[in-house]
Amino acid sequence: MSNLLVVVRAIHFASSISVAGAAFFPAAVAGEQLKAHREALAPIQRQLDWIVLTGLGIAVASGGLWLLLLASELAQVTEDADSTVWLVLTGTQFGRVSLVRFVIAGLLALLVALRYRKPFLSTLNWLIALLGVAFAVGLAWCGHSGAGLGLSGDFQVGADAVHLVTVAIWVGGLLPLLIVIRPSVLKSATERYQLVRRFSLVATWAVTFLIASGIVNTWYMTDGMRHLFGTEYGTLVLAKAGLLLIMLGFASVNRFWLTPRLATSQGEKTARLLCISTTAEIALGLIVVCIVAVLGQLEPAGHVHTMM
């Protein structure tokens, strides 16, 4: 059961991040170019919309399965399988947050459908972006940080929410970036450079807050870093941090070496290299998501040692 729950959590996290990233990207990164080249880039907008809709479908399905698995675990304790699903849905923070996120998913799907009729309405794009980010941020109340109490618990949830927002903007934005910068997409070298440059700026701010919120989360979950080493939870956190450093290495190569060359005569070749590097970032990001899914099933090292 626990292994299946890890898989379901990983799928849910990945799809939620993809939804948020694809919803945020058109408004914050590619909005000007999508609007300036309406006819030529309309298929790109459609692809980004399909990422949102497909991600929502996967997220809702995996979220429902996640809830059923939790209800099944509870039924083994209460021996009342008929009422456990309703109990989890209405009587737990996870269930109530899931209901709110389900409503957000429905609104988001409606707005994306509306964008087919008004594809370049900037206000609509930003509404979709905000709902997409809200859909991902709701996960902060579904993990260990959401179980905290009092002011400390609120601070943990806040840090986790910031962490999720930044992951959605950076990692969730990589697939839309890859779609837009492909050499097969007709755009000038200067336009490709400007778009990547803008994403790099947004991602740089996201990474800054990602690292800060990650340190806060690790501090709480490992009892002030005292149990970061020598525990299974701490080992996975270190593995996650190591993968993040590798991702930052790829991002640095993209930012400081490849991006400046996009506007040169080697722009098309550079765009191919940038696509390869971005694909590697996406793959590493998926591995990190899997680690996060496992961490969600482990008792945080700080919690374990605090109770002992």
Protein backbone atom coordinates (compact mmCIF):
# COMPACT_ATOMS: atom_id res chain seq x y z
CA MET A 1 0.00 0.00 0.00
CA SER A 2 2.74 2.48 0.97
CA ASN A 3 4.63 1.91 -2.30
CA LEU A 4 1.48 2.56 -4.30
CA LEU A 5 0.84 5.71 -2.28
CA VAL A 6 4.36 6.95 -3.06
CA VAL A 7 3.74 6.44 -6.78
CA VAL A 8 0.37 8.20 -6.60
CA ARG A 9 1.88 11.11 -4.67
CA ALA A 10 4.71 11.45 -7.19
CA ILE A 11 2.26 11.53 -10.11
CA HIS A 12 0.08 14.04 -8.30
CA PHE A 13 2.97 16.34 -7.43
CA ALA A 14 4.42 16.21 -10.95
CA SER A 15 1.08 16.90 -12.64
CA SER A 16 0.21 19.73 -10.21
CA ILE A 17 3.57 21.41 -10.80
CA SER A 18 3.14 21.02 -14.56
CA VAL A 19 -0.31 22.63 -14.38
CA ALA A 20 1.01 25.60 -12.42
CA GLY A 21 4.05 26.06 -14.65
CA ALA A 22 2.11 25.88 -17.91
CA ALA A 23 -0.55 28.23 -16.52
CA PHE A 24 2.02 30.77 -15.30
CA PHE A 25 4.34 30.75 -18.34
CA PRO A 26 2.09 32.47 -20.94
CA ALA A 27 1.27 35.35 -18.61
CA ALA A 28 4.64 36.00 -17.00
CA VAL A 29 7.15 34.92 -19.65
CA ALA A 30 5.76 34.53 -23.16
CA GLY A 31 2.74 36.83 -23.05
CA GLU A 32 4.18 39.66 -25.15
CA GLN A 33 5.44 37.38 -27.93
CA LEU A 34 2.26 35.30 -27.98
CA LYS A 35 0.24 38.48 -28.37
CA ALA A 36 2.59 40.05 -30.94
CA HIS A 37 2.53 36.94 -33.17
CA ARG A 38 -1.04 35.78 -32.68
CA GLU A 39 -1.40 33.74 -35.84
CA ALA A 40 2.08 32.20 -35.92
CA LEU A 41 2.20 31.27 -32.23
CA ALA A 42 -1.45 30.27 -31.72
CA PRO A 43 -0.52 26.54 -31.93
CA ILE A 44 2.05 27.09 -29.16
CA GLN A 45 -0.64 28.61 -26.94
CA ARG A 46 -2.85 25.59 -27.66
CA GLN A 47 -0.06 23.22 -26.65
CA LEU A 48 0.43 25.07 -23.36
CA ASP A 49 -3.32 24.91 -22.74
CA TRP A 50 -3.32 21.18 -23.36
CA ILE A 51 -0.53 20.76 -20.81
CA VAL A 52 -2.76 22.52 -18.26
CA LEU A 53 -5.85 20.47 -19.12
CA THR A 54 -4.01 17.14 -19.29
CA GLY A 55 -2.18 17.90 -16.07
CA LEU A 56 -5.46 18.78 -14.37
CA GLY A 57 -7.00 15.51 -15.48
CA ILE A 58 -4.05 13.50 -14.14
CA ALA A 59 -3.92 15.54 -10.93
CA VAL A 60 -7.63 15.12 -10.20
CA ALA A 61 -7.49 11.37 -10.92
CA SER A 62 -4.35 10.82 -8.83
CA GLY A 63 -5.72 13.06 -6.07
CA GLY A 64 -8.88 10.99 -5.94
CA LEU A 65 -6.84 7.79 -5.76
CA TRP A 66 -4.66 9.31 -3.04
CA LEU A 67 -7.78 10.04 -1.00
CA LEU A 68 -9.11 6.50 -1.52
CA LEU A 69 -5.80 5.00 -0.39
CA LEU A 70 -5.84 7.09 2.78
CA ALA A 71 -9.46 6.06 3.39
CA SER A 72 -8.46 2.42 2.90
CA GLU A 73 -5.73 2.76 5.54
CA LEU A 74 -8.19 4.39 7.93
CA ALA A 75 -10.76 1.65 7.27
CA GLN A 76 -8.29 -0.94 8.53
CA VAL A 77 -8.20 0.90 11.85
CA THR A 78 -11.88 1.82 12.21
CA GLU A 79 -13.26 -1.29 10.51
CA ASP A 80 -15.94 0.93 8.93
CA ALA A 81 -15.13 1.05 5.23
CA ASP A 82 -18.47 2.59 4.22
CA SER A 83 -17.93 5.92 5.98
CA THR A 84 -14.16 6.34 5.80
CA VAL A 85 -14.07 8.06 2.39
CA TRP A 86 -16.59 10.67 3.55
CA LEU A 87 -14.73 11.00 6.86
CA VAL A 88 -11.41 11.65 5.13
CA LEU A 89 -13.04 14.06 2.67
CA THR A 90 -14.91 16.18 5.22
CA GLY A 91 -13.24 15.45 8.54
CA THR A 92 -9.56 15.89 7.71
CA GLN A 93 -7.49 18.84 6.57
CA PHE A 94 -6.29 16.79 3.59
CA GLY A 95 -9.87 16.14 2.49
CA ARG A 96 -11.04 19.71 2.88
CA VAL A 97 -8.01 21.07 1.03
CA SER A 98 -8.60 18.49 -1.69
CA LEU A 99 -12.16 19.75 -2.12
CA VAL A 100 -10.92 23.33 -2.48
CA ARG A 101 -8.30 22.24 -4.98
CA PHE A 102 -10.94 20.32 -6.93
CA VAL A 103 -13.00 23.51 -7.22
CA ILE A 104 -9.90 25.42 -8.35
CA ALA A 105 -9.25 22.73 -10.95
CA GLY A 106 -12.77 23.12 -12.31
CA LEU A 107 -12.48 26.92 -12.52
CA LEU A 108 -9.08 26.62 -14.15
CA ALA A 109 -10.40 24.21 -16.79
CA LEU A 110 -13.28 26.60 -17.57
CA LEU A 111 -10.96 29.58 -17.97
CA VAL A 112 -8.59 27.63 -20.22
CA ALA A 113 -11.58 26.64 -22.34
CA LEU A 114 -12.63 30.30 -22.46
CA ARG A 115 -9.14 31.23 -23.65
CA TYR A 116 -9.86 29.31 -26.84
CA ARG A 117 -12.33 32.08 -27.67
CA LYS A 118 -10.22 34.96 -26.33
CA PRO A 119 -6.69 33.57 -26.56
CA PHE A 120 -4.74 36.78 -25.94
CA LEU A 121 -6.75 38.54 -23.24
CA SER A 122 -4.03 39.44 -20.71
CA THR A 123 -6.43 39.63 -17.75
CA LEU A 124 -7.63 36.10 -18.49
CA ASN A 125 -4.04 34.88 -18.80
CA TRP A 126 -3.20 36.24 -15.35
CA LEU A 127 -6.33 34.73 -13.80
CA ILE A 128 -5.29 31.36 -15.20
CA ALA A 129 -1.77 31.89 -13.90
CA LEU A 130 -2.98 32.71 -10.37
CA LEU A 131 -5.37 29.76 -10.26
CA GLY A 132 -2.65 27.43 -11.54
CA VAL A 133 -0.27 28.56 -8.82
CA ALA A 134 -3.04 28.29 -6.21
CA PHE A 135 -3.71 24.71 -7.32
CA ALA A 136 -0.08 23.77 -6.62
CA VAL A 137 0.19 25.79 -3.40
CA GLY A 138 -2.70 23.83 -1.88
CA LEU A 139 -0.32 20.90 -1.55
CA ALA A 140 1.38 22.75 1.34
CA TRP A 141 -1.54 21.74 3.56
CA CYS A 142 -1.36 18.09 2.46
CA GLY A 143 2.10 17.23 3.79
CA HIS A 144 4.10 17.25 7.01
CA SER A 145 4.17 21.05 7.27
CA GLY A 146 0.38 21.14 7.28
CA ALA A 147 0.37 19.09 10.49
CA GLY A 148 2.11 21.81 12.51
CA LEU A 149 0.31 23.70 15.27
CA GLY A 150 0.23 27.33 16.29
CA LEU A 151 2.47 30.08 14.94
CA SER A 152 5.28 27.64 14.23
CA GLY A 153 2.94 25.47 12.19
CA ASP A 154 1.68 28.47 10.23
CA PHE A 155 5.26 29.48 9.49
CA GLN A 156 6.07 25.97 8.25
CA VAL A 157 3.04 25.98 5.95
CA GLY A 158 4.02 29.43 4.66
CA ALA A 159 7.54 28.28 3.90
CA ASP A 160 6.23 25.17 2.16
CA ALA A 161 3.80 27.30 0.13
CA VAL A 162 6.66 29.53 -1.03
CA HIS A 163 8.64 26.39 -1.86
CA LEU A 164 5.80 25.06 -4.02
CA VAL A 165 5.29 28.39 -5.82
CA THR A 166 8.96 28.61 -6.72
CA VAL A 167 9.11 24.98 -7.86
CA ALA A 168 6.05 25.57 -10.04
CA ILE A 169 7.56 28.69 -11.62
CA TRP A 170 11.01 27.21 -12.25
CA VAL A 171 10.63 23.46 -12.72
CA GLY A 172 7.02 23.66 -13.93
CA GLY A 173 8.05 26.29 -16.48
CA LEU A 174 10.76 24.14 -18.06
CA LEU A 175 8.40 22.13 -20.29
CA PRO A 176 6.66 25.26 -21.67
CA LEU A 177 10.10 26.80 -22.22
CA LEU A 178 11.23 23.70 -24.10
CA ILE A 179 8.14 23.87 -26.33
CA VAL A 180 8.63 27.55 -27.14
CA ILE A 181 12.39 27.56 -27.80
CA ARG A 182 12.48 24.59 -30.18
CA PRO A 183 14.30 25.43 -33.42
CA SER A 184 11.19 24.28 -35.32
CA VAL A 185 9.19 27.17 -33.83
CA LEU A 186 9.43 30.06 -36.25
CA LYS A 187 10.84 33.07 -34.42
CA SER A 188 13.88 35.26 -34.82
CA ALA A 189 17.08 34.65 -32.90
CA THR A 190 16.55 37.89 -31.02
CA GLU A 191 13.02 36.91 -29.98
CA ARG A 192 14.22 33.51 -28.80
CA TYR A 193 16.98 35.20 -26.83
CA GLN A 194 14.57 37.68 -25.24
CA LEU A 195 12.18 34.92 -24.19
CA VAL A 196 14.88 32.75 -22.62
CA ARG A 197 16.38 35.81 -20.95
CA ARG A 198 13.01 36.67 -19.42
CA PHE A 199 12.49 33.12 -18.17
CA SER A 200 16.00 33.15 -16.69
CA LEU A 201 15.22 36.33 -14.77
CA VAL A 202 11.95 34.92 -13.40
CA ALA A 203 13.60 31.58 -12.60
CA THR A 204 16.51 33.28 -10.81
CA TRP A 205 14.14 34.95 -8.36
CA ALA A 206 12.25 31.67 -7.99
CA VAL A 207 15.43 29.73 -7.22
CA THR A 208 16.47 32.32 -4.61
CA PHE A 209 13.22 31.85 -2.68
CA LEU A 210 13.29 28.10 -3.36
CA ILE A 211 16.62 27.75 -1.57
CA ALA A 212 15.56 29.98 1.31
CA SER A 213 12.26 28.16 1.88
CA GLY A 214 14.01 24.80 1.47
CA ILE A 215 16.42 25.68 4.27
CA VAL A 216 13.50 26.66 6.51
CA ASN A 217 11.67 23.40 5.76
CA THR A 218 14.79 21.33 6.38
CA TRP A 219 15.42 23.17 9.67
CA TYR A 220 11.98 22.23 10.97
CA MET A 221 11.92 18.68 9.63
CA THR A 222 15.37 17.75 10.94
CA ASP A 223 15.11 19.43 14.35
CA GLY A 224 17.39 22.36 13.57
CA MET A 225 19.63 20.31 11.23
CA ARG A 226 20.65 18.08 14.17
CA HIS A 227 19.26 14.99 12.47
CA LEU A 228 20.14 15.79 8.87
CA PHE A 229 22.86 13.12 8.95
CA GLY A 230 22.43 9.52 10.01
CA THR A 231 18.70 9.23 9.38
CA GLU A 232 16.78 7.94 6.37
CA TYR A 233 14.82 11.18 6.14
CA GLY A 234 17.96 13.29 6.30
CA THR A 235 19.72 11.16 3.69
CA LEU A 236 16.89 11.69 1.23
CA VAL A 237 16.90 15.43 1.94
CA LEU A 238 20.62 15.51 1.16
CA ALA A 239 20.02 13.55 -2.04
CA LYS A 240 17.34 16.05 -3.01
CA ALA A 241 19.73 18.93 -2.31
CA GLY A 242 22.45 17.25 -4.39
CA LEU A 243 20.12 16.89 -7.36
CA LEU A 244 19.07 20.52 -6.94
CA LEU A 245 22.72 21.57 -7.18
CA ILE A 246 23.09 19.60 -10.41
CA MET A 247 19.95 21.27 -11.78
CA LEU A 248 21.41 24.65 -10.83
CA GLY A 249 24.54 23.67 -12.74
CA PHE A 250 22.51 23.08 -15.89
CA ALA A 251 20.57 26.30 -15.27
CA SER A 252 23.83 28.24 -14.91
CA VAL A 253 25.14 26.85 -18.20
CA ASN A 254 21.88 27.86 -19.84
CA ARG A 255 21.92 31.33 -18.32
CA PHE A 256 25.54 32.37 -18.67
CA TRP A 257 26.82 30.36 -21.65
CA LEU A 258 24.01 29.28 -23.95
CA THR A 259 21.55 32.18 -23.63
CA PRO A 260 23.98 34.91 -24.80
CA ARG A 261 24.75 32.84 -27.90
CA LEU A 262 21.12 32.59 -28.96
CA ALA A 263 21.25 36.01 -30.61
CA THR A 264 24.41 35.20 -32.61
CA SER A 265 24.97 33.41 -35.90
CA GLN A 266 25.14 30.16 -33.91
CA GLY A 267 21.62 30.71 -32.59
CA GLU A 268 19.98 27.63 -34.12
CA LYS A 269 22.71 25.27 -32.91
CA THR A 270 22.61 26.92 -29.49
CA ALA A 271 18.82 26.47 -29.35
CA ARG A 272 19.29 22.72 -29.86
CA LEU A 273 21.86 22.57 -27.05
CA LEU A 274 19.53 24.59 -24.84
CA CYS A 275 16.72 22.10 -25.53
CA ILE A 276 18.99 19.22 -24.50
CA SER A 277 20.04 20.99 -21.32
CA THR A 278 16.44 21.91 -20.47
CA THR A 279 15.36 18.30 -21.02
CA ALA A 280 18.06 17.18 -18.57
CA GLU A 281 16.72 19.68 -16.01
CA ILE A 282 13.21 18.29 -16.46
CA ALA A 283 14.44 14.72 -15.93
CA LEU A 284 16.30 15.70 -12.76
CA GLY A 285 13.23 17.59 -11.57
CA LEU A 286 11.12 14.44 -11.94
CA ILE A 287 13.61 12.49 -9.84
CA VAL A 288 13.40 15.18 -7.15
CA VAL A 289 9.59 14.89 -7.22
CA CYS A 290 9.90 11.13 -6.63
CA ILE A 291 12.15 11.79 -3.63
CA VAL A 292 9.62 14.28 -2.26
CA ALA A 293 6.89 11.63 -2.63
CA VAL A 294 8.96 9.21 -0.55
CA LEU A 295 9.73 11.88 2.06
CA GLY A 296 6.00 12.41 2.49
CA GLN A 297 5.65 8.80 3.66
CA LEU A 298 8.47 9.02 6.21
CA GLU A 299 8.27 10.55 9.65
CA PRO A 300 10.49 13.65 9.58
CA ALA A 301 13.73 13.04 11.44
CA GLY A 302 13.10 16.00 13.74
CA HIS A 303 9.66 14.68 14.65
CA VAL A 304 10.99 11.22 15.43
CA HIS A 305 13.77 12.41 17.70
CA THR A 306 11.60 15.04 19.35
CA MET A 307 9.16 12.36 20.48
CA MET A 308 11.89 10.01 21.73
